[in-house]
Full PDB file with SEQRES, HELIX, SHEET, SSBOND, CRYST1, ORIGX, SCALE, CONECT and MASTER records, all heavy atoms in Angstrom:
SEQRES   1 A   34  THR VAL TYR LEU GLN MET ASN SER LEU LYS PRO ASP ASP          
SEQRES   2 A   34  THR ALA VAL TYR TYR CYS ASN ARG GLY PHE SER TRP GLY          
SEQRES   3 A   34  GLN GLY THR GLN VAL THR VAL SER                              
HELIX    1 AA1 PRO A   11  ASP A   13  5                                   3    
SHEET    1 AA1 2 ALA A  15  TYR A  17  0                                        
SHEET    2 AA1 2 THR A  29  VAL A  31 -1                                        
SHEET    1 AA2 2 ASN A  20  ARG A  21  0                                        
SHEET    2 AA2 2 SER A  24  TRP A  25 -1                                        
CRYST1    1.000    1.000    1.000  90.00  90.00  90.00 P 1           1          
ORIGX1      1.000000  0.000000  0.000000        0.00000                         
ORIGX2      0.000000  1.000000  0.000000        0.00000                         
ORIGX3      0.000000  0.000000  1.000000        0.00000                         
SCALE1      1.000000  0.000000  0.000000        0.00000                         
SCALE2      0.000000  1.000000  0.000000        0.00000                         
SCALE3      0.000000  0.000000  1.000000        0.00000                         
ATOM      1  N   THR A   1       0.788  -1.184  -0.008  1.00  0.00           N  
ATOM      2  CA  THR A   1      -0.029   0.052   0.035  1.00  0.00           C  
ATOM      3  C   THR A   1       0.916   1.294   0.038  1.00  0.00           C  
ATOM      4  O   THR A   1       1.900   1.211   0.718  1.00  0.00           O  
ATOM      5  CB  THR A   1      -0.987   0.043   1.220  1.00  0.00           C  
ATOM      6  OG1 THR A   1      -1.756  -1.185   1.197  1.00  0.00           O  
ATOM      7  CG2 THR A   1      -1.850   1.209   1.238  1.00  0.00           C  
ATOM      8  N   VAL A   2       0.450   2.249  -0.757  1.00  0.00           N  
ATOM      9  CA  VAL A   2       1.052   3.608  -0.779  1.00  0.00           C  
ATOM     10  C   VAL A   2       0.005   4.560  -0.261  1.00  0.00           C  
ATOM     11  O   VAL A   2      -1.100   4.382  -0.567  1.00  0.00           O  
ATOM     12  CB  VAL A   2       1.425   3.960  -2.185  1.00  0.00           C  
ATOM     13  CG1 VAL A   2       1.993   5.376  -2.186  1.00  0.00           C  
ATOM     14  CG2 VAL A   2       2.629   3.054  -2.736  1.00  0.00           C  
ATOM     15  N   TYR A   3       0.478   5.544   0.474  1.00  0.00           N  
ATOM     16  CA  TYR A   3      -0.320   6.468   1.093  1.00  0.00           C  
ATOM     17  C   TYR A   3      -0.008   7.853   0.680  1.00  0.00           C  
ATOM     18  O   TYR A   3       1.110   8.230   0.283  1.00  0.00           O  
ATOM     19  CB  TYR A   3      -0.270   6.468   2.614  1.00  0.00           C  
ATOM     20  CG  TYR A   3      -0.433   5.134   3.243  1.00  0.00           C  
ATOM     21  CD1 TYR A   3       0.537   4.196   3.450  1.00  0.00           C  
ATOM     22  CD2 TYR A   3      -1.855   4.743   3.523  1.00  0.00           C  
ATOM     23  CE1 TYR A   3       0.274   2.963   4.111  1.00  0.00           C  
ATOM     24  CE2 TYR A   3      -2.099   3.483   4.088  1.00  0.00           C  
ATOM     25  CZ  TYR A   3      -1.020   2.550   4.321  1.00  0.00           C  
ATOM     26  OH  TYR A   3      -1.229   1.294   4.926  1.00  0.00           O  
ATOM     27  N   LEU A   4      -1.012   8.803   0.692  1.00  0.00           N  
ATOM     28  CA  LEU A   4      -0.782  10.201   0.485  1.00  0.00           C  
ATOM     29  C   LEU A   4      -1.473  10.992   1.542  1.00  0.00           C  
ATOM     30  O   LEU A   4      -2.725  11.090   1.646  1.00  0.00           O  
ATOM     31  CB  LEU A   4      -1.257  10.683  -0.857  1.00  0.00           C  
ATOM     32  CG  LEU A   4      -0.949  12.134  -1.187  1.00  0.00           C  
ATOM     33  CD1 LEU A   4       0.585  12.318  -1.399  1.00  0.00           C  
ATOM     34  CD2 LEU A   4      -1.712  12.640  -2.383  1.00  0.00           C  
ATOM     35  N   GLN A   5      -0.656  11.369   2.585  1.00  0.00           N  
ATOM     36  CA  GLN A   5      -1.269  12.258   3.702  1.00  0.00           C  
ATOM     37  C   GLN A   5      -1.330  13.637   3.209  1.00  0.00           C  
ATOM     38  O   GLN A   5      -0.348  14.219   2.897  1.00  0.00           O  
ATOM     39  CB  GLN A   5      -0.319  12.051   4.934  1.00  0.00           C  
ATOM     40  CG  GLN A   5      -0.835  12.898   6.101  1.00  0.00           C  
ATOM     41  CD  GLN A   5      -2.144  12.482   6.665  1.00  0.00           C  
ATOM     42  OE1 GLN A   5      -2.320  11.299   6.944  1.00  0.00           O  
ATOM     43  NE2 GLN A   5      -3.063  13.364   6.880  1.00  0.00           N  
ATOM     44  N   MET A   6      -2.487  14.258   3.243  1.00  0.00           N  
ATOM     45  CA  MET A   6      -2.759  15.633   2.744  1.00  0.00           C  
ATOM     46  C   MET A   6      -3.280  16.475   3.930  1.00  0.00           C  
ATOM     47  O   MET A   6      -4.303  16.191   4.437  1.00  0.00           O  
ATOM     48  CB  MET A   6      -3.831  15.571   1.613  1.00  0.00           C  
ATOM     49  CG  MET A   6      -3.436  14.632   0.487  1.00  0.00           C  
ATOM     50  SD  MET A   6      -4.639  14.775  -0.838  1.00  0.00           S  
ATOM     51  CE  MET A   6      -6.099  14.207  -0.056  1.00  0.00           C  
ATOM     52  N   ASN A   7      -2.368  17.456   4.209  1.00  0.00           N  
ATOM     53  CA  ASN A   7      -2.747  18.444   5.305  1.00  0.00           C  
ATOM     54  C   ASN A   7      -2.862  19.807   4.785  1.00  0.00           C  
ATOM     55  O   ASN A   7      -2.364  20.070   3.624  1.00  0.00           O  
ATOM     56  CB  ASN A   7      -1.610  18.425   6.369  1.00  0.00           C  
ATOM     57  CG  ASN A   7      -1.442  17.094   7.052  1.00  0.00           C  
ATOM     58  OD1 ASN A   7      -2.388  16.249   7.236  1.00  0.00           O  
ATOM     59  ND2 ASN A   7      -0.192  16.724   7.393  1.00  0.00           N  
ATOM     60  N   SER A   8      -3.540  20.684   5.509  1.00  0.00           N  
ATOM     61  CA  SER A   8      -3.762  22.037   5.101  1.00  0.00           C  
ATOM     62  C   SER A   8      -4.303  22.181   3.711  1.00  0.00           C  
ATOM     63  O   SER A   8      -3.811  22.897   2.837  1.00  0.00           O  
ATOM     64  CB  SER A   8      -2.386  22.792   5.231  1.00  0.00           C  
ATOM     65  OG  SER A   8      -1.819  22.815   6.549  1.00  0.00           O  
ATOM     66  N   LEU A   9      -5.338  21.354   3.471  1.00  0.00           N  
ATOM     67  CA  LEU A   9      -5.951  21.376   2.151  1.00  0.00           C  
ATOM     68  C   LEU A   9      -6.576  22.617   1.716  1.00  0.00           C  
ATOM     69  O   LEU A   9      -7.067  23.347   2.631  1.00  0.00           O  
ATOM     70  CB  LEU A   9      -6.978  20.268   2.121  1.00  0.00           C  
ATOM     71  CG  LEU A   9      -6.450  18.800   2.083  1.00  0.00           C  
ATOM     72  CD1 LEU A   9      -7.458  17.792   2.538  1.00  0.00           C  
ATOM     73  CD2 LEU A   9      -5.962  18.531   0.569  1.00  0.00           C  
ATOM     74  N   LYS A  10      -6.469  22.892   0.474  1.00  0.00           N  
ATOM     75  CA  LYS A  10      -6.886  24.157  -0.166  1.00  0.00           C  
ATOM     76  C   LYS A  10      -7.986  23.743  -1.237  1.00  0.00           C  
ATOM     77  O   LYS A  10      -7.966  22.650  -1.718  1.00  0.00           O  
ATOM     78  CB  LYS A  10      -5.878  24.846  -0.827  1.00  0.00           C  
ATOM     79  CG  LYS A  10      -4.690  25.202   0.029  1.00  0.00           C  
ATOM     80  CD  LYS A  10      -3.522  25.788  -0.786  1.00  0.00           C  
ATOM     81  CE  LYS A  10      -2.393  26.080   0.081  1.00  0.00           C  
ATOM     82  NZ  LYS A  10      -1.222  26.728  -0.711  1.00  0.00           N  
ATOM     83  N   PRO A  11      -8.878  24.646  -1.445  1.00  0.00           N  
ATOM     84  CA  PRO A  11      -9.919  24.424  -2.582  1.00  0.00           C  
ATOM     85  C   PRO A  11      -9.251  23.959  -3.909  1.00  0.00           C  
ATOM     86  O   PRO A  11      -9.763  23.157  -4.702  1.00  0.00           O  
ATOM     87  CB  PRO A  11     -10.697  25.680  -2.728  1.00  0.00           C  
ATOM     88  CG  PRO A  11     -10.624  26.222  -1.374  1.00  0.00           C  
ATOM     89  CD  PRO A  11      -9.200  25.931  -0.772  1.00  0.00           C  
ATOM     90  N   ASP A  12      -8.008  24.553  -4.223  1.00  0.00           N  
ATOM     91  CA  ASP A  12      -7.307  24.161  -5.454  1.00  0.00           C  
ATOM     92  C   ASP A  12      -6.838  22.687  -5.350  1.00  0.00           C  
ATOM     93  O   ASP A  12      -6.430  22.248  -6.476  1.00  0.00           O  
ATOM     94  CB  ASP A  12      -6.125  25.089  -5.634  1.00  0.00           C  
ATOM     95  CG  ASP A  12      -6.489  26.437  -6.129  1.00  0.00           C  
ATOM     96  OD1 ASP A  12      -7.689  26.624  -6.545  1.00  0.00           O  
ATOM     97  OD2 ASP A  12      -5.623  27.324  -6.138  1.00  0.00           O  
ATOM     98  N   ASP A  13      -6.876  22.074  -4.314  1.00  0.00           N  
ATOM     99  CA  ASP A  13      -6.519  20.693  -4.197  1.00  0.00           C  
ATOM    100  C   ASP A  13      -7.647  19.726  -4.702  1.00  0.00           C  
ATOM    101  O   ASP A  13      -7.482  18.509  -4.805  1.00  0.00           O  
ATOM    102  CB  ASP A  13      -6.119  20.176  -2.850  1.00  0.00           C  
ATOM    103  CG  ASP A  13      -4.850  20.899  -2.308  1.00  0.00           C  
ATOM    104  OD1 ASP A  13      -3.891  21.110  -3.128  1.00  0.00           O  
ATOM    105  OD2 ASP A  13      -4.800  21.324  -1.120  1.00  0.00           O  
ATOM    106  N   THR A  14      -8.883  20.282  -4.918  1.00  0.00           N  
ATOM    107  CA  THR A  14      -9.954  19.456  -5.458  1.00  0.00           C  
ATOM    108  C   THR A  14      -9.628  18.925  -6.733  1.00  0.00           C  
ATOM    109  O   THR A  14      -9.253  19.579  -7.693  1.00  0.00           O  
ATOM    110  CB  THR A  14     -11.241  20.487  -5.440  1.00  0.00           C  
ATOM    111  OG1 THR A  14     -11.631  20.947  -4.198  1.00  0.00           O  
ATOM    112  CG2 THR A  14     -12.319  19.612  -6.094  1.00  0.00           C  
ATOM    113  N   ALA A  15      -9.787  17.553  -6.716  1.00  0.00           N  
ATOM    114  CA  ALA A  15      -9.437  16.790  -7.962  1.00  0.00           C  
ATOM    115  C   ALA A  15      -9.739  15.320  -7.787  1.00  0.00           C  
ATOM    116  O   ALA A  15      -9.973  14.899  -6.672  1.00  0.00           O  
ATOM    117  CB  ALA A  15      -7.880  16.924  -8.304  1.00  0.00           C  
ATOM    118  N   VAL A  16      -9.678  14.591  -8.808  1.00  0.00           N  
ATOM    119  CA  VAL A  16      -9.591  13.094  -8.757  1.00  0.00           C  
ATOM    120  C   VAL A  16      -8.117  12.776  -8.593  1.00  0.00           C  
ATOM    121  O   VAL A  16      -7.339  13.134  -9.420  1.00  0.00           O  
ATOM    122  CB  VAL A  16     -10.261  12.339  -9.957  1.00  0.00           C  
ATOM    123  CG1 VAL A  16     -10.122  10.955  -9.755  1.00  0.00           C  
ATOM    124  CG2 VAL A  16     -11.702  12.729 -10.027  1.00  0.00           C  
ATOM    125  N   TYR A  17      -7.861  11.943  -7.564  1.00  0.00           N  
ATOM    126  CA  TYR A  17      -6.480  11.575  -7.295  1.00  0.00           C  
ATOM    127  C   TYR A  17      -6.293  10.152  -7.692  1.00  0.00           C  
ATOM    128  O   TYR A  17      -7.073   9.249  -7.446  1.00  0.00           O  
ATOM    129  CB  TYR A  17      -6.154  11.709  -5.702  1.00  0.00           C  
ATOM    130  CG  TYR A  17      -5.949  13.099  -5.391  1.00  0.00           C  
ATOM    131  CD1 TYR A  17      -6.921  14.096  -5.311  1.00  0.00           C  
ATOM    132  CD2 TYR A  17      -4.620  13.611  -5.067  1.00  0.00           C  
ATOM    133  CE1 TYR A  17      -6.731  15.447  -5.009  1.00  0.00           C  
ATOM    134  CE2 TYR A  17      -4.350  14.930  -4.707  1.00  0.00           C  
ATOM    135  CZ  TYR A  17      -5.501  15.866  -4.682  1.00  0.00           C  
ATOM    136  OH  TYR A  17      -5.313  17.083  -4.293  1.00  0.00           O  
ATOM    137  N   TYR A  18      -5.197   9.918  -8.472  1.00  0.00           N  
ATOM    138  CA  TYR A  18      -4.896   8.579  -9.072  1.00  0.00           C  
ATOM    139  C   TYR A  18      -3.463   8.160  -8.544  1.00  0.00           C  
ATOM    140  O   TYR A  18      -2.532   8.931  -8.565  1.00  0.00           O  
ATOM    141  CB  TYR A  18      -4.827   8.609 -10.626  1.00  0.00           C  
ATOM    142  CG  TYR A  18      -6.106   9.004 -11.198  1.00  0.00           C  
ATOM    143  CD1 TYR A  18      -6.326  10.428 -11.483  1.00  0.00           C  
ATOM    144  CD2 TYR A  18      -7.001   8.166 -11.604  1.00  0.00           C  
ATOM    145  CE1 TYR A  18      -7.464  10.783 -12.154  1.00  0.00           C  
ATOM    146  CE2 TYR A  18      -8.221   8.481 -12.311  1.00  0.00           C  
ATOM    147  CZ  TYR A  18      -8.405   9.876 -12.501  1.00  0.00           C  
ATOM    148  OH  TYR A  18      -9.551  10.223 -13.167  1.00  0.00           O  
ATOM    149  N   CYS A  19      -3.373   6.804  -8.262  1.00  0.00           N  
ATOM    150  CA  CYS A  19      -2.183   6.330  -7.954  1.00  0.00           C  
ATOM    151  C   CYS A  19      -1.548   5.607  -9.227  1.00  0.00           C  
ATOM    152  O   CYS A  19      -2.415   5.189 -10.130  1.00  0.00           O  
ATOM    153  CB  CYS A  19      -2.131   5.265  -6.809  1.00  0.00           C  
ATOM    154  SG  CYS A  19      -3.091   3.743  -7.010  1.00  0.00           S  
ATOM    155  N   ASN A  20      -0.293   5.563  -9.372  1.00  0.00           N  
ATOM    156  CA  ASN A  20       0.403   5.068 -10.632  1.00  0.00           C  
ATOM    157  C   ASN A  20       1.627   4.286 -10.261  1.00  0.00           C  
ATOM    158  O   ASN A  20       2.404   4.579  -9.396  1.00  0.00           O  
ATOM    159  CB  ASN A  20       0.765   6.352 -11.582  1.00  0.00           C  
ATOM    160  CG  ASN A  20       1.791   5.969 -12.516  1.00  0.00           C  
ATOM    161  OD1 ASN A  20       2.978   6.153 -12.331  1.00  0.00           O  
ATOM    162  ND2 ASN A  20       1.299   5.410 -13.625  1.00  0.00           N  
ATOM    163  N   ARG A  21       1.719   3.212 -11.018  1.00  0.00           N  
ATOM    164  CA  ARG A  21       3.014   2.428 -11.001  1.00  0.00           C  
ATOM    165  C   ARG A  21       3.298   2.054 -12.472  1.00  0.00           C  
ATOM    166  O   ARG A  21       2.632   1.240 -13.043  1.00  0.00           O  
ATOM    167  CB  ARG A  21       3.007   1.150 -10.147  1.00  0.00           C  
ATOM    168  CG  ARG A  21       4.294   0.566  -9.888  1.00  0.00           C  
ATOM    169  CD  ARG A  21       4.235  -0.914  -9.443  1.00  0.00           C  
ATOM    170  NE  ARG A  21       4.108  -1.747 -10.550  1.00  0.00           N  
ATOM    171  CZ  ARG A  21       4.554  -3.034 -10.438  1.00  0.00           C  
ATOM    172  NH1 ARG A  21       4.891  -3.594  -9.309  1.00  0.00           N  
ATOM    173  NH2 ARG A  21       4.374  -3.821 -11.585  1.00  0.00           N  
ATOM    174  N   GLY A  22       4.338   2.715 -13.033  1.00  0.00           N  
ATOM    175  CA  GLY A  22       4.710   2.373 -14.433  1.00  0.00           C  
ATOM    176  C   GLY A  22       3.498   2.761 -15.244  1.00  0.00           C  
ATOM    177  O   GLY A  22       2.948   3.878 -15.330  1.00  0.00           O  
ATOM    178  N   PHE A  23       3.050   1.726 -16.081  1.00  0.00           N  
ATOM    179  CA  PHE A  23       1.963   2.031 -17.011  1.00  0.00           C  
ATOM    180  C   PHE A  23       0.550   1.682 -16.319  1.00  0.00           C  
ATOM    181  O   PHE A  23      -0.445   1.758 -17.108  1.00  0.00           O  
ATOM    182  CB  PHE A  23       2.061   1.139 -18.244  1.00  0.00           C  
ATOM    183  CG  PHE A  23       3.313   1.496 -19.107  1.00  0.00           C  
ATOM    184  CD1 PHE A  23       4.327   0.681 -19.081  1.00  0.00           C  
ATOM    185  CD2 PHE A  23       3.454   2.799 -19.712  1.00  0.00           C  
ATOM    186  CE1 PHE A  23       5.528   0.965 -19.832  1.00  0.00           C  
ATOM    187  CE2 PHE A  23       4.524   3.162 -20.415  1.00  0.00           C  
ATOM    188  CZ  PHE A  23       5.597   2.223 -20.483  1.00  0.00           C  
ATOM    189  N   SER A  24       0.442   1.341 -15.088  1.00  0.00           N  
ATOM    190  CA  SER A  24      -0.758   1.008 -14.442  1.00  0.00           C  
ATOM    191  C   SER A  24      -1.271   2.134 -13.667  1.00  0.00           C  
ATOM    192  O   SER A  24      -0.521   2.905 -12.915  1.00  0.00           O  
ATOM    193  CB  SER A  24      -0.550  -0.259 -13.505  1.00  0.00           C  
ATOM    194  OG  SER A  24      -0.034  -1.287 -14.270  1.00  0.00           O  
ATOM    195  N   TRP A  25      -2.701   2.260 -13.620  1.00  0.00           N  
ATOM    196  CA  TRP A  25      -3.362   3.343 -12.970  1.00  0.00           C  
ATOM    197  C   TRP A  25      -4.519   2.799 -12.194  1.00  0.00           C  
ATOM    198  O   TRP A  25      -5.198   1.865 -12.597  1.00  0.00           O  
ATOM    199  CB  TRP A  25      -3.860   4.425 -13.922  1.00  0.00           C  
ATOM    200  CG  TRP A  25      -2.867   5.122 -14.720  1.00  0.00           C  
ATOM    201  CD1 TRP A  25      -2.179   4.779 -15.838  1.00  0.00           C  
ATOM    202  CD2 TRP A  25      -2.275   6.411 -14.312  1.00  0.00           C  
ATOM    203  NE1 TRP A  25      -1.267   5.735 -16.143  1.00  0.00           N  
ATOM    204  CE2 TRP A  25      -1.311   6.737 -15.245  1.00  0.00           C  
ATOM    205  CE3 TRP A  25      -2.440   7.348 -13.305  1.00  0.00           C  
ATOM    206  CZ2 TRP A  25      -0.549   7.930 -15.276  1.00  0.00           C  
ATOM    207  CZ3 TRP A  25      -1.685   8.461 -13.273  1.00  0.00           C  
ATOM    208  CH2 TRP A  25      -0.763   8.806 -14.223  1.00  0.00           C  
ATOM    209  N   GLY A  26      -4.767   3.396 -10.971  1.00  0.00           N  
ATOM    210  CA  GLY A  26      -5.950   3.129 -10.356  1.00  0.00           C  
ATOM    211  C   GLY A  26      -7.206   3.800 -10.939  1.00  0.00           C  
ATOM    212  O   GLY A  26      -7.051   4.582 -11.873  1.00  0.00           O  
ATOM    213  N   GLN A  27      -8.419   3.509 -10.283  1.00  0.00           N  
ATOM    214  CA  GLN A  27      -9.580   4.087 -10.881  1.00  0.00           C  
ATOM    215  C   GLN A  27      -9.827   5.580 -10.405  1.00  0.00           C  
ATOM    216  O   GLN A  27     -10.647   6.236 -10.938  1.00  0.00           O  
ATOM    217  CB  GLN A  27     -10.762   3.247 -10.446  1.00  0.00           C  
ATOM    218  CG  GLN A  27     -11.375   3.582  -9.011  1.00  0.00           C  
ATOM    219  CD  GLN A  27     -10.437   3.163  -7.861  1.00  0.00           C  
ATOM    220  OE1 GLN A  27      -9.514   2.388  -8.113  1.00  0.00           O  
ATOM    221  NE2 GLN A  27     -10.710   3.655  -6.667  1.00  0.00           N  
ATOM    222  N   GLY A  28      -9.131   6.071  -9.450  1.00  0.00           N  
ATOM    223  CA  GLY A  28      -9.198   7.352  -8.954  1.00  0.00           C  
ATOM    224  C   GLY A  28     -10.123   7.463  -7.710  1.00  0.00           C  
ATOM    225  O   GLY A  28     -11.051   6.703  -7.472  1.00  0.00           O  
ATOM    226  N   THR A  29      -9.890   8.398  -6.875  1.00  0.00           N  
ATOM    227  CA  THR A  29     -10.741   8.707  -5.780  1.00  0.00           C  
ATOM    228  C   THR A  29     -10.890  10.237  -5.651  1.00  0.00           C  
ATOM    229  O   THR A  29      -9.853  11.035  -5.760  1.00  0.00           O  
ATOM    230  CB  THR A  29     -10.076   8.167  -4.371  1.00  0.00           C  
ATOM    231  OG1 THR A  29     -11.082   8.381  -3.320  1.00  0.00           O  
ATOM    232  CG2 THR A  29      -8.760   8.876  -4.014  1.00  0.00           C  
ATOM    233  N   GLN A  30     -12.134  10.654  -5.408  1.00  0.00           N  
ATOM    234  CA  GLN A  30     -12.474  12.109  -5.523  1.00  0.00           C  
ATOM    235  C   GLN A  30     -12.132  12.740  -4.202  1.00  0.00           C  
ATOM    236  O   GLN A  30     -12.474  12.314  -3.091  1.00  0.00           O  
ATOM    237  CB  GLN A  30     -13.909  12.286  -5.869  1.00  0.00           C  
ATOM    238  CG  GLN A  30     -14.372  13.728  -5.768  1.00  0.00           C  
ATOM    239  CD  GLN A  30     -13.984  14.552  -6.917  1.00  0.00           C  
ATOM    240  OE1 GLN A  30     -14.103  14.172  -8.068  1.00  0.00           O  
ATOM    241  NE2 GLN A  30     -13.342  15.706  -6.727  1.00  0.00           N  
ATOM    242  N   VAL A  31     -11.460  13.910  -4.328  1.00  0.00           N  
ATOM    243  CA  VAL A  31     -11.086  14.793  -3.107  1.00  0.00           C  
ATOM    244  C   VAL A  31     -11.781  16.121  -3.429  1.00  0.00           C  
ATOM    245  O   VAL A  31     -11.439  16.737  -4.469  1.00  0.00           O  
ATOM    246  CB  VAL A  31      -9.639  14.979  -2.913  1.00  0.00           C  
ATOM    247  CG1 VAL A  31      -9.421  15.961  -1.826  1.00  0.00           C  
ATOM    248  CG2 VAL A  31      -9.028  13.554  -2.483  1.00  0.00           C  
ATOM    249  N   THR A  32     -12.634  16.585  -2.508  1.00  0.00           N  
ATOM    250  CA  THR A  32     -13.304  17.859  -2.750  1.00  0.00           C  
ATOM    251  C   THR A  32     -12.987  18.690  -1.461  1.00  0.00           C  
ATOM    252  O   THR A  32     -13.296  18.289  -0.326  1.00  0.00           O  
ATOM    253  CB  THR A  32     -14.821  17.754  -2.936  1.00  0.00           C  
ATOM    254  OG1 THR A  32     -15.004  16.911  -4.045  1.00  0.00           O  
ATOM    255  CG2 THR A  32     -15.460  19.139  -3.150  1.00  0.00           C  
ATOM    256  N   VAL A  33     -12.408  19.847  -1.588  1.00  0.00           N  
ATOM    257  CA  VAL A  33     -12.066  20.762  -0.593  1.00  0.00           C  
ATOM    258  C   VAL A  33     -12.921  21.986  -0.694  1.00  0.00           C  
ATOM    259  O   VAL A  33     -12.865  22.710  -1.667  1.00  0.00           O  
ATOM    260  CB  VAL A  33     -10.581  21.214  -0.539  1.00  0.00           C  
ATOM    261  CG1 VAL A  33     -10.247  22.042   0.678  1.00  0.00           C  
ATOM    262  CG2 VAL A  33      -9.698  19.867  -0.604  1.00  0.00           C  
ATOM    263  N   SER A  34     -13.824  22.181   0.306  1.00  0.00           N  
ATOM    264  CA  SER A  34     -14.669  23.336   0.368  1.00  0.00           C  
ATOM    265  C   SER A  34     -14.054  24.486   1.099  1.00  0.00           C  
ATOM    266  O   SER A  34     -13.315  24.387   1.975  1.00  0.00           O  
ATOM    267  CB  SER A  34     -16.058  22.974   0.893  1.00  0.00           C  
ATOM    268  OG  SER A  34     -15.901  22.700   2.297  1.00  0.00           O  
TER     269      SER A  34                                                      
MASTER        0    0    0    1    4    0    0    6  268    1    0    3          
END                                                                             
């Protein structure tokens, strides 16, 4: 497992976040910062 700890989040961080290894990608997880 790989982690991304995100602190002090800003509205500009709003995005779908994807993990990547080489040519492989995950399905993405939505992060919304209000």
